[in-house]
């Protein structure tokens, strides 16, 4: 009986655990589903708004027309260009390429005008027709305005760019920036290599010079030690050969005298 009660209790506890696990899983699934629903709703809303904006922008870009200014009068600002060209139609974006930094510094060094100078520019009209009209009417004509003004006698150099959009301009400048960055990276790596080679050669030369100096010092030390050594002196005795030869000569002379 006891064993049967124990088994019944165990089965009851297992069933309770299973039920509690199932409930917890259901609660988790409910919470996850709620959060997922919220996230999906937000993503869909963002996509809708983005697609609307993208479509509007693409439609506007299709309708727009771009003119190119090959030469900009000296020190003319984008605001003045907008003011002058807005007489022919509504203008969107303007981009003016500034002059080279080196030429700007050179001009300031020689006490020239410190204002910004632009070399070329692109102007976006909201309508293609207006852009074409502005380019056709203004090209190779005087800017005009009130007589005696700063830009009165300057000439417009303007051209309409068919099938050209602002995205093409952005791509063009991004590719230019990328090529400039790659050139800069290559130049930096080249200068690094040159510096490393110079340091290596300098260290090698210094090492050889130190070896030569050490050899010179050792040779000097050896020569100084050899000079310092005491020289062995020997007593020189007079030769006896001369005395012997004179005695023999005298004896020979005596013998010869006796014979003759």
C-alpha atoms as a PDB file:
ATOM      1  CA  UNK A   1       0.000   0.000   0.000  1.00  0.00           C
ATOM      2  CA  UNK A   2       2.762   2.390   0.894  1.00  0.00           C
ATOM      3  CA  UNK A   3       4.514   1.736  -2.391  1.00  0.00           C
ATOM      4  CA  UNK A   4       1.272   2.406  -4.317  1.00  0.00           C
ATOM      5  CA  UNK A   5       0.774   5.720  -2.470  1.00  0.00           C
ATOM      6  CA  UNK A   6       4.334   6.736  -3.253  1.00  0.00           C
ATOM      7  CA  UNK A   7       3.907   6.024  -6.965  1.00  0.00           C
ATOM      8  CA  UNK A   8       0.621   7.960  -7.019  1.00  0.00           C
ATOM      9  CA  UNK A   9       2.259  10.952  -5.323  1.00  0.00           C
ATOM     10  CA  UNK A  10       5.173  10.901  -7.765  1.00  0.00           C
ATOM     11  CA  UNK A  11       2.857  10.762 -10.773  1.00  0.00           C
ATOM     12  CA  UNK A  12       0.764  13.628  -9.359  1.00  0.00           C
ATOM     13  CA  UNK A  13       3.874  15.796  -8.821  1.00  0.00           C
ATOM     14  CA  UNK A  14       5.124  15.043 -12.345  1.00  0.00           C
ATOM     15  CA  UNK A  15       1.758  16.016 -13.800  1.00  0.00           C
ATOM     16  CA  UNK A  16       1.783  19.267 -11.841  1.00  0.00           C
ATOM     17  CA  UNK A  17       5.322  20.059 -13.071  1.00  0.00           C
ATOM     18  CA  UNK A  18       4.298  19.374 -16.661  1.00  0.00           C
ATOM     19  CA  UNK A  19       1.267  21.649 -16.342  1.00  0.00           C
ATOM     20  CA  UNK A  20       3.354  24.445 -14.831  1.00  0.00           C
ATOM     21  CA  UNK A  21       5.975  24.107 -17.615  1.00  0.00           C
ATOM     22  CA  UNK A  22       3.266  24.218 -20.268  1.00  0.00           C
ATOM     23  CA  UNK A  23       1.751  27.348 -18.693  1.00  0.00           C
ATOM     24  CA  UNK A  24       5.145  29.066 -18.531  1.00  0.00           C
ATOM     25  CA  UNK A  25       5.836  28.170 -22.166  1.00  0.00           C
ATOM     26  CA  UNK A  26       2.449  29.567 -23.186  1.00  0.00           C
ATOM     27  CA  UNK A  27       3.146  32.796 -21.267  1.00  0.00           C
ATOM     28  CA  UNK A  28       6.582  33.123 -22.925  1.00  0.00           C
ATOM     29  CA  UNK A  29       5.082  32.508 -26.361  1.00  0.00           C
ATOM     30  CA  UNK A  30       2.427  35.134 -25.690  1.00  0.00           C
ATOM     31  CA  UNK A  31       5.033  37.702 -24.615  1.00  0.00           C
ATOM     32  CA  UNK A  32       7.272  36.908 -27.587  1.00  0.00           C
ATOM     33  CA  UNK A  33       4.384  37.110 -29.991  1.00  0.00           C
ATOM     34  CA  UNK A  34       3.377  40.518 -28.587  1.00  0.00           C
ATOM     35  CA  UNK A  35       6.886  41.934 -28.903  1.00  0.00           C
ATOM     36  CA  UNK A  36       7.284  40.433 -32.360  1.00  0.00           C
ATOM     37  CA  UNK A  37       4.003  41.947 -33.445  1.00  0.00           C
ATOM     38  CA  UNK A  38       5.073  45.363 -32.203  1.00  0.00           C
ATOM     39  CA  UNK A  39       8.444  45.077 -33.971  1.00  0.00           C
ATOM     40  CA  UNK A  40       6.838  43.910 -37.206  1.00  0.00           C
ATOM     41  CA  UNK A  41       4.360  46.778 -37.089  1.00  0.00           C
ATOM     42  CA  UNK A  42       7.136  49.336 -36.565  1.00  0.00           C
ATOM     43  CA  UNK A  43       9.237  47.804 -39.367  1.00  0.00           C
ATOM     44  CA  UNK A  44       6.284  47.868 -41.760  1.00  0.00           C
ATOM     45  CA  UNK A  45       5.501  51.477 -40.840  1.00  0.00           C
ATOM     46  CA  UNK A  46       9.140  52.498 -41.408  1.00  0.00           C
ATOM     47  CA  UNK A  47       9.213  50.651 -44.718  1.00  0.00           C
ATOM     48  CA  UNK A  48       6.048  52.368 -45.868  1.00  0.00           C
ATOM     49  CA  UNK A  49       7.371  55.807 -44.952  1.00  0.00           C
ATOM     50  CA  UNK A  50      10.757  55.052 -46.514  1.00  0.00           C
ATOM     51  CA  UNK A  51       9.225  53.755 -49.713  1.00  0.00           C
ATOM     52  CA  UNK A  52       7.032  56.848 -49.913  1.00  0.00           C
ATOM     53  CA  UNK A  53      10.032  59.117 -49.426  1.00  0.00           C
ATOM     54  CA  UNK A  54      12.127  57.158 -51.929  1.00  0.00           C
ATOM     55  CA  UNK A  55       9.345  57.235 -54.497  1.00  0.00           C
ATOM     56  CA  UNK A  56       8.827  60.962 -54.002  1.00  0.00           C
ATOM     57  CA  UNK A  57      12.570  61.596 -54.317  1.00  0.00           C
ATOM     58  CA  UNK A  58      12.845  59.441 -57.455  1.00  0.00           C
ATOM     59  CA  UNK A  59       9.854  61.220 -59.034  1.00  0.00           C
ATOM     60  CA  UNK A  60      11.357  64.602 -58.207  1.00  0.00           C
ATOM     61  CA  UNK A  61      14.733  63.547 -59.642  1.00  0.00           C
ATOM     62  CA  UNK A  62      13.009  62.351 -62.831  1.00  0.00           C
ATOM     63  CA  UNK A  63      11.351  65.744 -63.211  1.00  0.00           C
ATOM     64  CA  UNK A  64      14.494  67.728 -62.327  1.00  0.00           C
ATOM     65  CA  UNK A  65      17.164  69.002 -64.710  1.00  0.00           C
ATOM     66  CA  UNK A  66      20.801  69.879 -64.034  1.00  0.00           C
ATOM     67  CA  UNK A  67      22.943  72.608 -65.571  1.00  0.00           C
ATOM     68  CA  UNK A  68      26.742  72.709 -65.461  1.00  0.00           C
ATOM     69  CA  UNK A  69      28.740  75.895 -64.851  1.00  0.00           C
ATOM     70  CA  UNK A  70      32.201  75.328 -66.353  1.00  0.00           C
ATOM     71  CA  UNK A  71      33.509  78.641 -64.989  1.00  0.00           C
ATOM     72  CA  UNK A  72      32.271  80.625 -62.016  1.00  0.00           C
ATOM     73  CA  UNK A  73      33.021  84.346 -61.683  1.00  0.00           C
ATOM     74  CA  UNK A  74      35.697  85.059 -59.062  1.00  0.00           C
ATOM     75  CA  UNK A  75      34.482  84.986 -55.444  1.00  0.00           C
ATOM     76  CA  UNK A  76      30.831  84.442 -56.424  1.00  0.00           C
ATOM     77  CA  UNK A  77      28.891  82.704 -53.643  1.00  0.00           C
ATOM     78  CA  UNK A  78      26.223  79.976 -54.040  1.00  0.00           C
ATOM     79  CA  UNK A  79      23.577  82.387 -52.709  1.00  0.00           C
ATOM     80  CA  UNK A  80      24.191  84.846 -55.555  1.00  0.00           C
ATOM     81  CA  UNK A  81      24.025  82.025 -58.136  1.00  0.00           C
ATOM     82  CA  UNK A  82      20.718  80.873 -56.631  1.00  0.00           C
ATOM     83  CA  UNK A  83      19.403  84.451 -56.711  1.00  0.00           C
ATOM     84  CA  UNK A  84      20.444  84.988 -60.339  1.00  0.00           C
ATOM     85  CA  UNK A  85      19.219  81.632 -61.696  1.00  0.00           C
ATOM     86  CA  UNK A  86      15.972  81.494 -59.685  1.00  0.00           C
ATOM     87  CA  UNK A  87      14.512  84.039 -62.154  1.00  0.00           C
ATOM     88  CA  UNK A  88      14.231  81.175 -64.691  1.00  0.00           C
ATOM     89  CA  UNK A  89      12.736  78.546 -62.377  1.00  0.00           C
ATOM     90  CA  UNK A  90      12.690  76.919 -58.949  1.00  0.00           C
ATOM     91  CA  UNK A  91      16.106  75.698 -57.894  1.00  0.00           C
ATOM     92  CA  UNK A  92      16.837  72.665 -55.723  1.00  0.00           C
ATOM     93  CA  UNK A  93      20.419  71.769 -54.882  1.00  0.00           C
ATOM     94  CA  UNK A  94      23.631  73.613 -55.739  1.00  0.00           C
ATOM     95  CA  UNK A  95      27.150  72.247 -55.584  1.00  0.00           C
ATOM     96  CA  UNK A  96      30.237  74.366 -56.233  1.00  0.00           C
ATOM     97  CA  UNK A  97      33.738  72.878 -56.363  1.00  0.00           C
ATOM     98  CA  UNK A  98      36.200  75.027 -54.447  1.00  0.00           C
ATOM     99  CA  UNK A  99      39.633  75.935 -55.792  1.00  0.00           C
ATOM    100  CA  UNK A 100      42.827  74.077 -54.980  1.00  0.00           C
ATOM    101  CA  UNK A 101      44.045  74.650 -51.419  1.00  0.00           C
ATOM    102  CA  UNK A 102      47.612  75.362 -52.574  1.00  0.00           C
ATOM    103  CA  UNK A 103      46.514  78.158 -54.903  1.00  0.00           C
ATOM    104  CA  UNK A 104      44.336  79.597 -52.104  1.00  0.00           C
ATOM    105  CA  UNK A 105      47.317  79.662 -49.700  1.00  0.00           C
ATOM    106  CA  UNK A 106      49.524  81.177 -52.410  1.00  0.00           C
ATOM    107  CA  UNK A 107      46.994  83.978 -53.005  1.00  0.00           C
ATOM    108  CA  UNK A 108      46.793  84.784 -49.280  1.00  0.00           C
ATOM    109  CA  UNK A 109      50.597  84.722 -48.987  1.00  0.00           C
ATOM    110  CA  UNK A 110      50.859  87.381 -51.694  1.00  0.00           C
ATOM    111  CA  UNK A 111      48.218  89.496 -49.882  1.00  0.00           C
ATOM    112  CA  UNK A 112      45.381  88.591 -52.236  1.00  0.00           C
ATOM    113  CA  UNK A 113      41.657  88.265 -51.564  1.00  0.00           C
ATOM    114  CA  UNK A 114      40.866  85.925 -48.655  1.00  0.00           C
ATOM    115  CA  UNK A 115      37.384  85.047 -49.930  1.00  0.00           C
ATOM    116  CA  UNK A 116      36.566  81.556 -51.195  1.00  0.00           C
ATOM    117  CA  UNK A 117      36.911  80.982 -54.903  1.00  0.00           C
ATOM    118  CA  UNK A 118      34.995  78.307 -56.861  1.00  0.00           C
ATOM    119  CA  UNK A 119      36.103  76.750 -60.139  1.00  0.00           C
ATOM    120  CA  UNK A 120      32.978  74.890 -61.382  1.00  0.00           C
ATOM    121  CA  UNK A 121      29.449  74.109 -60.275  1.00  0.00           C
ATOM    122  CA  UNK A 122      26.222  72.140 -60.768  1.00  0.00           C
ATOM    123  CA  UNK A 123      22.741  73.569 -60.283  1.00  0.00           C
ATOM    124  CA  UNK A 124      19.564  71.480 -60.041  1.00  0.00           C
ATOM    125  CA  UNK A 125      16.311  72.922 -61.397  1.00  0.00           C
ATOM    126  CA  UNK A 126      13.014  71.387 -60.294  1.00  0.00           C
ATOM    127  CA  UNK A 127      11.882  71.189 -63.946  1.00  0.00           C
ATOM    128  CA  UNK A 128      13.888  70.073 -66.967  1.00  0.00           C
ATOM    129  CA  UNK A 129      12.336  72.671 -69.256  1.00  0.00           C
ATOM    130  CA  UNK A 130      13.364  75.529 -66.987  1.00  0.00           C
ATOM    131  CA  UNK A 131      16.931  74.203 -66.752  1.00  0.00           C
ATOM    132  CA  UNK A 132      17.198  73.925 -70.540  1.00  0.00           C
ATOM    133  CA  UNK A 133      15.706  77.406 -70.991  1.00  0.00           C
ATOM    134  CA  UNK A 134      18.167  78.934 -68.508  1.00  0.00           C
ATOM    135  CA  UNK A 135      21.152  77.264 -70.215  1.00  0.00           C
ATOM    136  CA  UNK A 136      20.053  78.304 -73.712  1.00  0.00           C
ATOM    137  CA  UNK A 137      19.333  81.933 -72.813  1.00  0.00           C
ATOM    138  CA  UNK A 138      22.233  82.627 -70.459  1.00  0.00           C
ATOM    139  CA  UNK A 139      25.178  80.833 -72.111  1.00  0.00           C
ATOM    140  CA  UNK A 140      27.906  83.242 -73.388  1.00  0.00           C
ATOM    141  CA  UNK A 141      25.948  86.285 -72.189  1.00  0.00           C
ATOM    142  CA  UNK A 142      26.880  88.976 -69.682  1.00  0.00           C
ATOM    143  CA  UNK A 143      25.577  88.512 -66.131  1.00  0.00           C
ATOM    144  CA  UNK A 144      24.423  92.116 -66.195  1.00  0.00           C
ATOM    145  CA  UNK A 145      22.373  93.695 -63.453  1.00  0.00           C
ATOM    146  CA  UNK A 146      22.921  97.228 -62.259  1.00  0.00           C
ATOM    147  CA  UNK A 147      25.801  98.980 -64.051  1.00  0.00           C
ATOM    148  CA  UNK A 148      28.933  99.221 -61.938  1.00  0.00           C
ATOM    149  CA  UNK A 149      28.227  96.053 -59.938  1.00  0.00           C
ATOM    150  CA  UNK A 150      31.025  93.541 -59.282  1.00  0.00           C
ATOM    151  CA  UNK A 151      29.733  90.798 -61.635  1.00  0.00           C
ATOM    152  CA  UNK A 152      28.185  93.011 -64.337  1.00  0.00           C
ATOM    153  CA  UNK A 153      30.758  92.276 -67.070  1.00  0.00           C
ATOM    154  CA  UNK A 154      31.359  88.582 -66.259  1.00  0.00           C
ATOM    155  CA  UNK A 155      30.101  86.023 -68.795  1.00  0.00           C
ATOM    156  CA  UNK A 156      27.952  82.959 -68.103  1.00  0.00           C
ATOM    157  CA  UNK A 157      29.460  79.591 -69.094  1.00  0.00           C
ATOM    158  CA  UNK A 158      26.450  77.343 -68.610  1.00  0.00           C
ATOM    159  CA  UNK A 159      25.375  74.071 -70.228  1.00  0.00           C
ATOM    160  CA  UNK A 160      22.347  71.804 -69.821  1.00  0.00           C
ATOM    161  CA  UNK A 161      23.205  68.148 -69.040  1.00  0.00           C
ATOM    162  CA  UNK A 162      20.571  65.829 -70.569  1.00  0.00           C
ATOM    163  CA  UNK A 163      19.877  62.499 -68.763  1.00  0.00           C
ATOM    164  CA  UNK A 164      22.145  63.602 -65.928  1.00  0.00           C
ATOM    165  CA  UNK A 165      20.874  63.302 -62.352  1.00  0.00           C
ATOM    166  CA  UNK A 166      22.131  64.384 -58.950  1.00  0.00           C
ATOM    167  CA  UNK A 167      22.853  60.750 -58.018  1.00  0.00           C
ATOM    168  CA  UNK A 168      25.339  60.570 -60.919  1.00  0.00           C
ATOM    169  CA  UNK A 169      27.139  63.582 -59.503  1.00  0.00           C
ATOM    170  CA  UNK A 170      27.279  62.001 -56.053  1.00  0.00           C
ATOM    171  CA  UNK A 171      28.666  58.770 -57.542  1.00  0.00           C
ATOM    172  CA  UNK A 172      31.253  60.747 -59.484  1.00  0.00           C
ATOM    173  CA  UNK A 173      32.499  62.569 -56.403  1.00  0.00           C
ATOM    174  CA  UNK A 174      32.416  59.436 -54.237  1.00  0.00           C
ATOM    175  CA  UNK A 175      34.594  57.616 -56.801  1.00  0.00           C
ATOM    176  CA  UNK A 176      36.936  60.629 -56.889  1.00  0.00           C
ATOM    177  CA  UNK A 177      37.172  60.632 -53.102  1.00  0.00           C
ATOM    178  CA  UNK A 178      37.810  56.879 -53.082  1.00  0.00           C
ATOM    179  CA  UNK A 179      40.610  57.192 -55.653  1.00  0.00           C
ATOM    180  CA  UNK A 180      42.077  60.113 -53.700  1.00  0.00           C
ATOM    181  CA  UNK A 181      41.956  58.065 -50.496  1.00  0.00           C
ATOM    182  CA  UNK A 182      43.617  55.072 -52.187  1.00  0.00           C
ATOM    183  CA  UNK A 183      46.368  57.338 -53.575  1.00  0.00           C
ATOM    184  CA  UNK A 184      46.883  58.830 -50.130  1.00  0.00           C
ATOM    185  CA  UNK A 185      47.099  55.353 -48.564  1.00  0.00           C
ATOM    186  CA  UNK A 186      49.635  54.274 -51.203  1.00  0.00           C
ATOM    187  CA  UNK A 187      51.712  57.415 -50.598  1.00  0.00           C
ATOM    188  CA  UNK A 188      51.645  56.862 -46.817  1.00  0.00           C
ATOM    189  CA  UNK A 189      52.757  53.225 -47.221  1.00  0.00           C
ATOM    190  CA  UNK A 190      55.554  54.329 -49.601  1.00  0.00           C
ATOM    191  CA  UNK A 191      56.837  56.948 -47.149  1.00  0.00           C
ATOM    192  CA  UNK A 192      56.663  54.353 -44.352  1.00  0.00           C
ATOM    193  CA  UNK A 193      58.779  51.935 -46.387  1.00  0.00           C
ATOM    194  CA  UNK A 194      61.284  54.664 -47.231  1.00  0.00           C
ATOM    195  CA  UNK A 195      61.570  55.662 -43.565  1.00  0.00           C
ATOM    196  CA  UNK A 196      62.030  52.049 -42.486  1.00  0.00           C
ATOM    197  CA  UNK A 197      64.736  51.507 -45.122  1.00  0.00           C
ATOM    198  CA  UNK A 198      66.479  54.723 -44.098  1.00  0.00           C
ATOM    199  CA  UNK A 199      66.439  53.709 -40.398  1.00  0.00           C
ATOM    200  CA  UNK A 200      67.705  50.216 -41.297  1.00  0.00           C
ATOM    201  CA  UNK A 201      70.548  51.611 -43.429  1.00  0.00           C
ATOM    202  CA  UNK A 202      71.418  54.170 -40.760  1.00  0.00           C
ATOM    203  CA  UNK A 203      71.587  51.491 -38.056  1.00  0.00           C
ATOM    204  CA  UNK A 204      73.663  49.220 -40.320  1.00  0.00           C
ATOM    205  CA  UNK A 205      76.075  52.070 -41.095  1.00  0.00           C
ATOM    206  CA  UNK A 206      76.379  52.946 -37.418  1.00  0.00           C
ATOM    207  CA  UNK A 207      77.087  49.299 -36.552  1.00  0.00           C
ATOM    208  CA  UNK A 208      79.874  49.102 -39.176  1.00  0.00           C
ATOM    209  CA  UNK A 209      81.332  52.388 -37.910  1.00  0.00           C
ATOM    210  CA  UNK A 210      81.344  51.069 -34.324  1.00  0.00           C
ATOM    211  CA  UNK A 211      83.108  47.874 -35.460  1.00  0.00           C
ATOM    212  CA  UNK A 212      85.755  49.937 -37.283  1.00  0.00           C
ATOM    213  CA  UNK A 213      86.275  52.158 -34.237  1.00  0.00           C
ATOM    214  CA  UNK A 214      86.685  49.094 -32.004  1.00  0.00           C
ATOM    215  CA  UNK A 215      89.253  47.592 -34.395  1.00  0.00           C
ATOM    216  CA  UNK A 216      91.159  50.878 -34.539  1.00  0.00           C
ATOM    217  CA  UNK A 217      91.215  51.077 -30.740  1.00  0.00           C
ATOM    218  CA  UNK A 218      92.460  47.482 -30.397  1.00  0.00           C
ATOM    219  CA  UNK A 219      95.235  48.126 -32.971  1.00  0.00           C
ATOM    220  CA  UNK A 220      96.269  51.301 -31.154  1.00  0.00           C
ATOM    221  CA  UNK A 221      96.350  49.424 -27.833  1.00  0.00           C
ATOM    222  CA  UNK A 222      98.519  46.647 -29.333  1.00  0.00           C
ATOM    223  CA  UNK A 223     100.983  49.155 -30.837  1.00  0.00           C
ATOM    224  CA  UNK A 224     101.234  51.113 -27.575  1.00  0.00           C
ATOM    225  CA  UNK A 225     101.834  47.890 -25.612  1.00  0.00           C
ATOM    226  CA  UNK A 226     104.574  46.786 -28.029  1.00  0.00           C
ATOM    227  CA  UNK A 227     106.325  50.161 -27.685  1.00  0.00           C
ATOM    228  CA  UNK A 228     106.138  50.019 -23.925  1.00  0.00           C
ATOM    229  CA  UNK A 229     107.928  46.654 -23.800  1.00  0.00           C
ATOM    230  CA  UNK A 230     111.604  46.899 -22.574  1.00  0.00           C
ATOM    231  CA  UNK A 231     114.176  46.284 -25.274  1.00  0.00           C
ATOM    232  CA  UNK A 232     116.938  43.726 -24.534  1.00  0.00           C
ATOM    233  CA  UNK A 233     120.410  45.419 -24.583  1.00  0.00           C
ATOM    234  CA  UNK A 234     123.585  43.382 -25.184  1.00  0.00           C
ATOM    235  CA  UNK A 235     127.181  44.497 -24.469  1.00  0.00           C
ATOM    236  CA  UNK A 236     129.171  44.819 -27.643  1.00  0.00           C
ATOM    237  CA  UNK A 237     132.817  43.725 -27.433  1.00  0.00           C
ATOM    238  CA  UNK A 238     135.531  44.842 -29.798  1.00  0.00           C
ATOM    239  CA  UNK A 239     136.592  42.423 -32.523  1.00  0.00           C
ATOM    240  CA  UNK A 240     140.047  40.740 -32.079  1.00  0.00           C
ATOM    241  CA  UNK A 241     140.479  39.911 -35.788  1.00  0.00           C
ATOM    242  CA  UNK A 242     142.371  43.118 -36.597  1.00  0.00           C
ATOM    243  CA  UNK A 243     145.040  42.500 -33.919  1.00  0.00           C
ATOM    244  CA  UNK A 244     145.579  38.885 -35.067  1.00  0.00           C
ATOM    245  CA  UNK A 245     146.003  39.904 -38.660  1.00  0.00           C
ATOM    246  CA  UNK A 246     148.702  42.505 -37.816  1.00  0.00           C
ATOM    247  CA  UNK A 247     150.743  39.919 -35.796  1.00  0.00           C
ATOM    248  CA  UNK A 248     150.662  37.391 -38.640  1.00  0.00           C
ATOM    249  CA  UNK A 249     151.791  40.028 -41.093  1.00  0.00           C
ATOM    250  CA  UNK A 250     154.766  40.941 -38.909  1.00  0.00           C
ATOM    251  CA  UNK A 251     155.850  37.289 -38.608  1.00  0.00           C
ATOM    252  CA  UNK A 252     155.610  36.762 -42.358  1.00  0.00           C
ATOM    253  CA  UNK A 253     157.699  39.826 -42.960  1.00  0.00           C
ATOM    254  CA  UNK A 254     160.372  38.571 -40.556  1.00  0.00           C
ATOM    255  CA  UNK A 255     160.569  35.181 -42.306  1.00  0.00           C
ATOM    256  CA  UNK A 256     160.878  36.819 -45.689  1.00  0.00           C
ATOM    257  CA  UNK A 257     163.651  39.076 -44.458  1.00  0.00           C
ATOM    258  CA  UNK A 258     165.638  36.032 -43.269  1.00  0.00           C
ATOM    259  CA  UNK A 259     165.283  34.279 -46.579  1.00  0.00           C
ATOM    260  CA  UNK A 260     166.273  37.165 -48.711  1.00  0.00           C
END
